[in-house]
Protein backbone atom coordinates (compact mmCIF):
# COMPACT_ATOMS: atom_id res chain seq x y z
CA MET A 1 -0.34 10.44 0.42
CA ALA A 2 -3.36 8.54 1.79
CA ALA A 3 -3.49 5.64 4.14
CA ILE A 4 -5.66 2.48 4.19
CA GLN A 5 -6.02 -0.78 5.72
CA VAL A 6 -5.00 -3.84 3.82
CA LEU A 7 -5.75 -7.60 4.02
CA VAL A 8 -2.96 -9.95 3.03
CA GLY A 9 -3.53 -13.48 3.97
CA LYS A 10 -5.40 -13.52 7.19
CA ASN A 11 -3.52 -10.47 8.43
CA PHE A 12 -4.84 -6.82 8.60
CA ILE A 13 -1.97 -4.42 7.78
CA ASP A 14 -2.70 -0.77 8.94
CA ASP A 15 -1.38 2.28 7.72
CA VAL A 16 -0.53 1.12 4.01
CA LEU A 17 0.69 4.06 2.30
CA ILE A 18 -1.22 4.80 -1.39
CA TYR A 19 1.06 6.49 -3.56
CA GLY A 20 0.27 7.61 -6.85
CA GLY A 21 3.96 8.42 -7.88
CA SER A 22 5.21 5.18 -7.09
CA GLU A 23 6.24 2.63 -9.73
CA VAL A 24 6.35 -0.47 -7.71
CA ASN A 25 4.35 -1.74 -4.57
CA ILE A 26 7.13 -2.09 -1.71
CA ILE A 27 7.06 -4.29 1.35
CA ILE A 28 9.33 -4.08 4.59
CA GLU A 29 11.31 -7.18 5.44
CA ASN A 30 9.81 -7.32 8.98
CA LEU A 31 6.30 -7.49 7.71
CA LYS A 32 7.53 -10.12 5.09
CA ILE A 33 8.24 -12.26 7.89
CA GLN A 34 5.34 -11.68 10.50
CA LEU A 35 3.33 -12.75 7.07
CA GLY A 36 5.21 -15.86 6.76
CA LEU A 37 6.53 -14.77 3.17
CA SER A 38 9.71 -16.69 2.27
CA LYS A 39 10.25 -17.27 -1.05
CA LEU A 40 11.77 -14.58 -2.61
CA ASN A 41 12.60 -13.60 -6.71
CA LEU A 42 15.68 -11.80 -7.82
CA ALA A 43 14.78 -7.91 -8.09
CA PRO A 44 17.12 -6.89 -10.84
CA TYR A 45 16.87 -3.18 -10.16
CA ASN A 46 17.38 -0.70 -7.36
CA LEU A 47 14.94 1.91 -6.33
CA ARG A 48 15.04 5.58 -6.09
CA MET A 49 12.87 6.85 -3.03
CA ALA A 50 11.11 10.23 -2.89
CA ASN A 51 13.72 11.50 -0.95
CA GLN A 52 16.26 10.48 -3.84
CA THR A 53 18.25 7.82 -2.08
CA ILE A 54 18.74 4.83 -3.69
CA ALA A 55 17.41 1.39 -2.13
CA LYS A 56 18.74 -2.00 -3.14
CA PRO A 57 15.71 -4.73 -2.92
CA LEU A 58 16.23 -7.89 -0.99
CA GLY A 59 13.64 -9.52 -3.37
CA LEU A 60 10.22 -9.88 -5.07
CA ILE A 61 7.36 -11.50 -3.78
CA ARG A 62 5.08 -12.17 -6.67
CA ASP A 63 1.37 -12.76 -6.91
CA LEU A 64 0.67 -11.67 -3.04
CA LYS A 65 -3.13 -11.46 -2.53
CA THR A 66 -4.31 -8.40 -1.13
CA LEU A 67 -7.77 -7.28 -0.33
CA VAL A 68 -8.30 -3.29 -0.52
CA HIS A 69 -11.97 -2.75 0.64
CA GLY A 70 -13.12 -6.13 -0.02
CA ILE A 71 -11.43 -6.27 -3.49
CA ALA A 72 -9.24 -9.01 -4.17
CA TYR A 73 -5.93 -7.98 -6.20
CA MET A 74 -2.95 -9.99 -7.18
CA VAL A 75 0.46 -7.91 -6.59
CA THR A 76 4.03 -8.12 -6.97
CA CYS A 77 5.86 -6.30 -4.07
CA THR A 78 9.61 -5.09 -3.84
CA VAL A 79 10.90 -6.41 -0.50
CA VAL A 80 13.24 -3.47 1.22
CA ASN A 81 15.31 -3.40 4.48
CA ASN A 82 12.93 -2.21 7.26
CA ASN A 83 14.63 1.30 7.61
CA VAL A 84 13.72 1.98 3.70
CA LEU A 85 9.97 3.60 4.52
CA ASP A 86 8.93 5.82 7.28
CA SER A 87 8.61 3.81 10.43
CA SER A 88 4.95 4.01 10.86
CA HIS A 89 4.38 2.45 7.47
CA SER A 90 5.24 -1.21 6.43
CA MET A 91 3.86 -1.45 3.12
CA LEU A 92 3.24 1.06 0.18
CA LEU A 93 0.73 0.57 -2.73
CA LYS A 94 1.19 2.00 -6.02
CA CYS A 95 -2.38 2.99 -7.51
CA SER A 96 -2.88 0.61 -10.33
CA TRP A 97 -5.12 -1.21 -8.14
CA LEU A 98 -7.59 1.96 -8.17
CA LYS A 99 -7.69 1.61 -12.20
CA ASP A 100 -8.40 -1.99 -11.97
CA ALA A 101 -11.11 -1.25 -9.15
CA LYS A 102 -12.39 1.54 -11.69
CA VAL A 103 -12.53 3.76 -8.98
CA SER A 104 -13.23 7.48 -9.79
CA HIS A 105 -12.72 10.62 -7.40
CA ASP A 106 -13.21 14.41 -7.86
C-alpha cells in the first residue's frame, strides 16, 4: 500500500493510504470532526477489514471534494471509529480515482 498527501477542503491530510483492494473510501471519526464535517448519511452495510475484523460504520459522507496531486475528485467516505485504521493513518482511499485520472504505471 502507498501513502500520499491529500487536500480536503483547505486541510492537507498526510499519509493517506491508497489501497487497490478496498471497495470503499474510509475516514476516521477524529478526522471528520477536525475537518468540520458534520452531516452523515446512513451506511447500510458493515465493513470486513483486511485483517478480517468487522467494522460497523458510523455513517457516510457523500461528495467530499478531495484534491490528489492537484486533481479534484468527489468521493464518498465511510466514517469509522478511530481504532479501525492503523493509528498512523486517518484516511484510506480506494484506487478508483487513479482510473478517473487516466494514470498508468509499469
